[in-house]
């Protein structure tokens, strides 16, 4: 059957420097009623847009953006040296930190560990 997951954390920003914004999402909800079961189908997602404005999904293996657990809020930080970090808050877990280290599609992230 189909798997569902709510998206609680969304970030919309131009991460590739091409003038088009990408959308990052993270979610999951483990505390659902037992009849419904957990909503745990998400490991995060990166969606870009081609030159015609059509959405293009970039897989986790290509981007390195993987959010295990219950992703909540996301924030984009630009450091003094111009590098960018994405902070992902998770429910009852440590936040994740991803460094944006590419300006070409697909966006490539490195995680500073779990």
C-alpha atoms as a PDB file:
ATOM      1  CA  UNK A   1       0.000   0.000   0.000  1.00  0.00           C
ATOM      2  CA  UNK A   2       0.853   3.635  -0.105  1.00  0.00           C
ATOM      3  CA  UNK A   3       3.046   5.085   2.605  1.00  0.00           C
ATOM      4  CA  UNK A   4       2.369   8.504   4.064  1.00  0.00           C
ATOM      5  CA  UNK A   5       4.369  11.036   5.975  1.00  0.00           C
ATOM      6  CA  UNK A   6       3.599  14.615   6.967  1.00  0.00           C
ATOM      7  CA  UNK A   7       6.118  17.321   6.073  1.00  0.00           C
ATOM      8  CA  UNK A   8       6.780  19.466   9.131  1.00  0.00           C
ATOM      9  CA  UNK A   9      10.042  21.033   8.029  1.00  0.00           C
ATOM     10  CA  UNK A  10      10.227  22.936   4.759  1.00  0.00           C
ATOM     11  CA  UNK A  11      12.988  25.130   3.405  1.00  0.00           C
ATOM     12  CA  UNK A  12      12.767  27.037   0.123  1.00  0.00           C
ATOM     13  CA  UNK A  13      16.011  28.623  -1.063  1.00  0.00           C
ATOM     14  CA  UNK A  14      18.300  28.889  -4.077  1.00  0.00           C
ATOM     15  CA  UNK A  15      20.962  26.420  -2.968  1.00  0.00           C
ATOM     16  CA  UNK A  16      22.554  25.920  -6.370  1.00  0.00           C
ATOM     17  CA  UNK A  17      23.128  29.556  -7.311  1.00  0.00           C
ATOM     18  CA  UNK A  18      21.197  29.157 -10.566  1.00  0.00           C
ATOM     19  CA  UNK A  19      18.470  31.656  -9.650  1.00  0.00           C
ATOM     20  CA  UNK A  20      15.864  28.929  -9.110  1.00  0.00           C
ATOM     21  CA  UNK A  21      14.801  27.883  -5.650  1.00  0.00           C
ATOM     22  CA  UNK A  22      14.925  24.331  -4.396  1.00  0.00           C
ATOM     23  CA  UNK A  23      12.525  22.885  -1.821  1.00  0.00           C
ATOM     24  CA  UNK A  24      13.777  20.700   1.023  1.00  0.00           C
ATOM     25  CA  UNK A  25      11.342  18.793   3.209  1.00  0.00           C
ATOM     26  CA  UNK A  26      11.488  16.563   6.277  1.00  0.00           C
ATOM     27  CA  UNK A  27       8.807  14.998   8.414  1.00  0.00           C
ATOM     28  CA  UNK A  28       7.419  11.817  10.004  1.00  0.00           C
ATOM     29  CA  UNK A  29       5.141  11.331  12.981  1.00  0.00           C
ATOM     30  CA  UNK A  30       5.704   8.357  15.250  1.00  0.00           C
ATOM     31  CA  UNK A  31       3.078   9.281  17.861  1.00  0.00           C
ATOM     32  CA  UNK A  32      -0.018   8.551  15.767  1.00  0.00           C
ATOM     33  CA  UNK A  33      -2.926   6.501  17.098  1.00  0.00           C
ATOM     34  CA  UNK A  34      -2.218   2.753  17.079  1.00  0.00           C
ATOM     35  CA  UNK A  35      -5.004   2.198  14.544  1.00  0.00           C
ATOM     36  CA  UNK A  36      -3.227   4.437  12.044  1.00  0.00           C
ATOM     37  CA  UNK A  37       0.326   3.360  12.828  1.00  0.00           C
ATOM     38  CA  UNK A  38       3.348   5.601  12.512  1.00  0.00           C
ATOM     39  CA  UNK A  39       3.676   7.993   9.591  1.00  0.00           C
ATOM     40  CA  UNK A  40       7.311   7.251   8.907  1.00  0.00           C
ATOM     41  CA  UNK A  41       7.784   7.069   5.142  1.00  0.00           C
ATOM     42  CA  UNK A  42      10.032  10.138   4.829  1.00  0.00           C
ATOM     43  CA  UNK A  43      13.807  10.375   4.905  1.00  0.00           C
ATOM     44  CA  UNK A  44      13.736  13.933   3.586  1.00  0.00           C
ATOM     45  CA  UNK A  45      13.564  15.197   0.030  1.00  0.00           C
ATOM     46  CA  UNK A  46      15.122  17.770  -2.279  1.00  0.00           C
ATOM     47  CA  UNK A  47      13.041  19.069  -5.183  1.00  0.00           C
ATOM     48  CA  UNK A  48      14.370  21.429  -7.828  1.00  0.00           C
ATOM     49  CA  UNK A  49      12.782  22.905 -10.922  1.00  0.00           C
ATOM     50  CA  UNK A  50      13.947  22.656 -14.523  1.00  0.00           C
ATOM     51  CA  UNK A  51      14.058  25.623 -16.908  1.00  0.00           C
ATOM     52  CA  UNK A  52      10.347  25.140 -17.695  1.00  0.00           C
ATOM     53  CA  UNK A  53       9.409  25.258 -14.000  1.00  0.00           C
ATOM     54  CA  UNK A  54       8.659  21.538 -13.854  1.00  0.00           C
ATOM     55  CA  UNK A  55       9.521  19.941 -10.475  1.00  0.00           C
ATOM     56  CA  UNK A  56      12.469  17.537 -10.498  1.00  0.00           C
ATOM     57  CA  UNK A  57      13.154  15.272  -7.528  1.00  0.00           C
ATOM     58  CA  UNK A  58      16.763  14.634  -6.545  1.00  0.00           C
ATOM     59  CA  UNK A  59      17.259  11.334  -4.754  1.00  0.00           C
ATOM     60  CA  UNK A  60      18.888  10.972  -1.380  1.00  0.00           C
ATOM     61  CA  UNK A  61      21.871   9.117  -2.830  1.00  0.00           C
ATOM     62  CA  UNK A  62      22.547  11.993  -5.234  1.00  0.00           C
ATOM     63  CA  UNK A  63      22.118  14.786  -2.707  1.00  0.00           C
ATOM     64  CA  UNK A  64      23.222  13.264   0.579  1.00  0.00           C
ATOM     65  CA  UNK A  65      20.256  14.965   2.263  1.00  0.00           C
ATOM     66  CA  UNK A  66      18.847  12.289   4.554  1.00  0.00           C
ATOM     67  CA  UNK A  67      16.781  13.041   7.644  1.00  0.00           C
ATOM     68  CA  UNK A  68      16.095  10.018   9.839  1.00  0.00           C
ATOM     69  CA  UNK A  69      13.540  10.345  12.618  1.00  0.00           C
ATOM     70  CA  UNK A  70      10.935  13.061  13.042  1.00  0.00           C
ATOM     71  CA  UNK A  71      12.194  16.101  11.115  1.00  0.00           C
ATOM     72  CA  UNK A  72      10.665  19.387  12.215  1.00  0.00           C
ATOM     73  CA  UNK A  73      12.061  22.870  11.518  1.00  0.00           C
ATOM     74  CA  UNK A  74      14.814  23.771   9.039  1.00  0.00           C
ATOM     75  CA  UNK A  75      16.987  26.833   8.830  1.00  0.00           C
ATOM     76  CA  UNK A  76      19.544  28.010   6.286  1.00  0.00           C
ATOM     77  CA  UNK A  77      22.590  29.737   7.750  1.00  0.00           C
ATOM     78  CA  UNK A  78      25.187  31.621   5.758  1.00  0.00           C
ATOM     79  CA  UNK A  79      28.548  31.765   7.522  1.00  0.00           C
ATOM     80  CA  UNK A  80      31.012  34.641   7.410  1.00  0.00           C
ATOM     81  CA  UNK A  81      33.034  32.850   4.705  1.00  0.00           C
ATOM     82  CA  UNK A  82      29.916  32.558   2.510  1.00  0.00           C
ATOM     83  CA  UNK A  83      29.455  28.815   3.003  1.00  0.00           C
ATOM     84  CA  UNK A  84      25.947  27.634   3.795  1.00  0.00           C
ATOM     85  CA  UNK A  85      24.663  25.262   6.452  1.00  0.00           C
ATOM     86  CA  UNK A  86      21.238  23.710   6.781  1.00  0.00           C
ATOM     87  CA  UNK A  87      20.148  22.906  10.318  1.00  0.00           C
ATOM     88  CA  UNK A  88      17.334  20.359  10.710  1.00  0.00           C
ATOM     89  CA  UNK A  89      15.646  20.112  14.099  1.00  0.00           C
ATOM     90  CA  UNK A  90      14.201  16.714  15.007  1.00  0.00           C
ATOM     91  CA  UNK A  91      11.686  15.777  17.663  1.00  0.00           C
ATOM     92  CA  UNK A  92      13.362  14.192  20.699  1.00  0.00           C
ATOM     93  CA  UNK A  93      16.683  13.851  18.882  1.00  0.00           C
ATOM     94  CA  UNK A  94      19.804  15.830  18.083  1.00  0.00           C
ATOM     95  CA  UNK A  95      19.636  18.324  15.216  1.00  0.00           C
ATOM     96  CA  UNK A  96      21.328  17.502  11.939  1.00  0.00           C
ATOM     97  CA  UNK A  97      23.750  19.873  10.223  1.00  0.00           C
ATOM     98  CA  UNK A  98      24.316  19.691   6.480  1.00  0.00           C
ATOM     99  CA  UNK A  99      26.922  21.704   4.616  1.00  0.00           C
ATOM    100  CA  UNK A 100      25.917  22.809   1.120  1.00  0.00           C
ATOM    101  CA  UNK A 101      29.092  22.077  -0.804  1.00  0.00           C
ATOM    102  CA  UNK A 102      28.126  22.347  -4.444  1.00  0.00           C
ATOM    103  CA  UNK A 103      26.680  25.035  -6.673  1.00  0.00           C
ATOM    104  CA  UNK A 104      25.635  22.686  -9.448  1.00  0.00           C
ATOM    105  CA  UNK A 105      22.558  20.506  -9.648  1.00  0.00           C
ATOM    106  CA  UNK A 106      22.179  18.203  -7.855  1.00  0.00           C
ATOM    107  CA  UNK A 107      22.928  19.916  -4.585  1.00  0.00           C
ATOM    108  CA  UNK A 108      25.410  17.797  -2.669  1.00  0.00           C
ATOM    109  CA  UNK A 109      25.282  17.834   1.114  1.00  0.00           C
ATOM    110  CA  UNK A 110      27.585  16.481   3.728  1.00  0.00           C
ATOM    111  CA  UNK A 111      26.280  15.737   7.179  1.00  0.00           C
ATOM    112  CA  UNK A 112      28.283  16.690  10.232  1.00  0.00           C
ATOM    113  CA  UNK A 113      27.235  13.405  11.807  1.00  0.00           C
ATOM    114  CA  UNK A 114      24.414  12.083  13.879  1.00  0.00           C
END
